[in-house]
C-alpha atoms as a PDB file:
ATOM      1  CA  MET A   1      28.434  17.876 -30.687  1.00  0.00           C
ATOM      2  CA  GLY A   2      26.797  15.051 -31.948  1.00  0.00           C
ATOM      3  CA  GLU A   3      27.255  12.976 -28.577  1.00  0.00           C
ATOM      4  CA  LYS A   4      25.813  16.308 -26.418  1.00  0.00           C
ATOM      5  CA  LYS A   5      22.576  16.183 -28.739  1.00  0.00           C
ATOM      6  CA  ARG A   6      21.939  12.694 -28.125  1.00  0.00           C
ATOM      7  CA  LYS A   7      22.514  12.880 -24.311  1.00  0.00           C
ATOM      8  CA  GLU A   8      19.734  15.866 -24.442  1.00  0.00           C
ATOM      9  CA  GLU A   9      17.134  13.429 -26.667  1.00  0.00           C
ATOM     10  CA  ILE A  10      17.702  10.621 -23.624  1.00  0.00           C
ATOM     11  CA  LYS A  11      14.845  11.793 -21.283  1.00  0.00           C
ATOM     12  CA  THR A  12      14.676   9.168 -18.374  1.00  0.00           C
ATOM     13  CA  GLU A  13      11.418   8.786 -17.229  1.00  0.00           C
ATOM     14  CA  PHE A  14       9.756   6.915 -14.227  1.00  0.00           C
ATOM     15  CA  VAL A  15       7.242   3.987 -14.342  1.00  0.00           C
ATOM     16  CA  PHE A  16       4.895   5.606 -11.971  1.00  0.00           C
ATOM     17  CA  ASP A  17       4.014   9.165 -11.134  1.00  0.00           C
ATOM     18  CA  ARG A  18       3.634  10.978  -8.135  1.00  0.00           C
ATOM     19  CA  LYS A  19      -0.088  10.158  -7.787  1.00  0.00           C
ATOM     20  CA  ASN A  20       0.706   6.427  -7.811  1.00  0.00           C
ATOM     21  CA  TYR A  21       3.404   6.884  -4.946  1.00  0.00           C
ATOM     22  CA  LYS A  22       0.605   8.571  -2.936  1.00  0.00           C
ATOM     23  CA  PHE A  23      -1.924   5.541  -3.423  1.00  0.00           C
ATOM     24  CA  MET A  24       0.780   3.190  -2.724  1.00  0.00           C
ATOM     25  CA  LEU A  25       1.706   4.494   0.476  1.00  0.00           C
ATOM     26  CA  ILE A  26      -1.886   4.846   1.243  1.00  0.00           C
ATOM     27  CA  GLY A  27      -2.368   1.468   0.770  1.00  0.00           C
ATOM     28  CA  ILE A  28       0.908   0.714   2.915  1.00  0.00           C
ATOM     29  CA  ALA A  29      -0.967   2.407   5.793  1.00  0.00           C
ATOM     30  CA  PHE A  30      -4.272   0.525   5.483  1.00  0.00           C
ATOM     31  CA  ILE A  31      -2.211  -2.712   5.585  1.00  0.00           C
ATOM     32  CA  ALA A  32      -0.381  -1.727   8.621  1.00  0.00           C
ATOM     33  CA  LEU A  33      -2.925  -0.669  10.083  1.00  0.00           C
ATOM     34  CA  GLY A  34      -4.960  -3.999   9.719  1.00  0.00           C
ATOM     35  CA  PHE A  35      -1.950  -5.700  10.976  1.00  0.00           C
ATOM     36  CA  ILE A  36      -2.079  -3.300  13.960  1.00  0.00           C
ATOM     37  CA  LEU A  37      -5.345  -3.813  14.669  1.00  0.00           C
ATOM     38  CA  MET A  38      -5.212  -7.897  14.511  1.00  0.00           C
ATOM     39  CA  THR A  39      -2.523  -7.852  17.455  1.00  0.00           C
ATOM     40  CA  GLY A  40      -3.249  -8.550  21.141  1.00  0.00           C
ATOM     41  CA  GLY A  41      -6.322 -10.230  22.911  1.00  0.00           C
ATOM     42  CA  GLY A  42      -3.740 -12.944  24.221  1.00  0.00           C
ATOM     43  CA  SER A  43      -3.059 -14.332  27.548  1.00  0.00           C
ATOM     44  CA  ASP A  44      -0.318 -13.906  30.069  1.00  0.00           C
ATOM     45  CA  ASP A  45      -1.131 -17.658  31.772  1.00  0.00           C
ATOM     46  CA  PRO A  46      -1.303 -20.077  28.791  1.00  0.00           C
ATOM     47  CA  ASN A  47      -3.535 -21.954  31.102  1.00  0.00           C
ATOM     48  CA  VAL A  48      -6.429 -19.452  30.772  1.00  0.00           C
ATOM     49  CA  PHE A  49      -8.299 -18.514  27.886  1.00  0.00           C
ATOM     50  CA  ASN A  50      -8.929 -15.399  26.958  1.00  0.00           C
ATOM     51  CA  PRO A  51     -12.424 -15.167  24.405  1.00  0.00           C
ATOM     52  CA  GLU A  52     -11.022 -11.569  23.795  1.00  0.00           C
ATOM     53  CA  ILE A  53      -9.258 -12.606  20.415  1.00  0.00           C
ATOM     54  CA  TYR A  54     -12.521 -13.322  18.626  1.00  0.00           C
ATOM     55  CA  ASN A  55     -13.951 -10.120  19.233  1.00  0.00           C
ATOM     56  CA  TRP A  56     -14.875  -8.152  16.243  1.00  0.00           C
ATOM     57  CA  ARG A  57     -11.955  -5.772  15.828  1.00  0.00           C
ATOM     58  CA  ARG A  58      -9.745  -8.696  15.417  1.00  0.00           C
ATOM     59  CA  ILE A  59     -12.244 -10.871  12.892  1.00  0.00           C
ATOM     60  CA  ARG A  60     -13.666  -8.833  11.054  1.00  0.00           C
ATOM     61  CA  LEU A  61     -12.535  -5.219  10.963  1.00  0.00           C
ATOM     62  CA  ALA A  62      -8.604  -5.894  10.711  1.00  0.00           C
ATOM     63  CA  PRO A  63      -8.702  -8.339   7.979  1.00  0.00           C
ATOM     64  CA  ALA A  64     -11.237  -6.041   6.048  1.00  0.00           C
ATOM     65  CA  MET A  65      -8.496  -3.325   6.663  1.00  0.00           C
ATOM     66  CA  VAL A  66      -5.750  -5.739   5.323  1.00  0.00           C
ATOM     67  CA  LEU A  67      -7.555  -6.633   1.864  1.00  0.00           C
ATOM     68  CA  LEU A  68      -8.867  -2.812   1.514  1.00  0.00           C
ATOM     69  CA  GLY A  69      -4.849  -1.974   1.602  1.00  0.00           C
ATOM     70  CA  PHE A  70      -4.023  -4.529  -1.087  1.00  0.00           C
ATOM     71  CA  ALA A  71      -6.792  -3.665  -3.428  1.00  0.00           C
ATOM     72  CA  ILE A  72      -5.761   0.023  -3.228  1.00  0.00           C
ATOM     73  CA  GLU A  73      -2.097  -1.238  -3.797  1.00  0.00           C
ATOM     74  CA  VAL A  74      -3.461  -3.125  -7.235  1.00  0.00           C
ATOM     75  CA  TYR A  75      -5.259   0.428  -7.769  1.00  0.00           C
ATOM     76  CA  ALA A  76      -1.981   2.341  -7.641  1.00  0.00           C
ATOM     77  CA  ILE A  77       0.016  -0.211  -9.511  1.00  0.00           C
ATOM     78  CA  LEU A  78      -2.876  -0.253 -12.576  1.00  0.00           C
ATOM     79  CA  LEU A  79      -3.240   3.574 -12.171  1.00  0.00           C
ATOM     80  CA  LYS A  80      -2.160   5.310 -15.314  1.00  0.00           C
ATOM     81  CA  PRO A  81      -0.261   8.510 -15.475  1.00  0.00           C
ATOM     82  CA  ASN A  82      -1.375  11.754 -16.382  1.00  0.00           C
ATOM     83  CA  SER A  83      -0.728  11.397 -20.631  1.00  0.00           C
ATOM     84  CA  LYS A  84       1.203  14.603 -21.316  1.00  0.00           C
ATOM     85  CA  GLU A  85       2.340  15.456 -24.696  1.00  0.00           C
ATOM     86  CA  GLU A  86       5.447  17.302 -25.114  1.00  0.00           C
ATOM     87  CA  ASN A  87       6.182  18.586 -28.774  1.00  0.00           C
END
């Protein structure tokens, strides 16, 4: 009987709450979208230069999306879960 009571007292808690995981998935989506926006702009012929590689989407928008994704990830890790008092 004492062993059964000890097992009931041990309660497993996850490090992160459901809210944290939602923000982590949003951050991963931003990072993936940023890398997808960086792709392309190359040339099939290596002797021909394609200036499309330096357009606004690849130079400004995509790195900003990746940095924003990393910022969301840091926020998700540091987000304090709701404190629930159970008596």
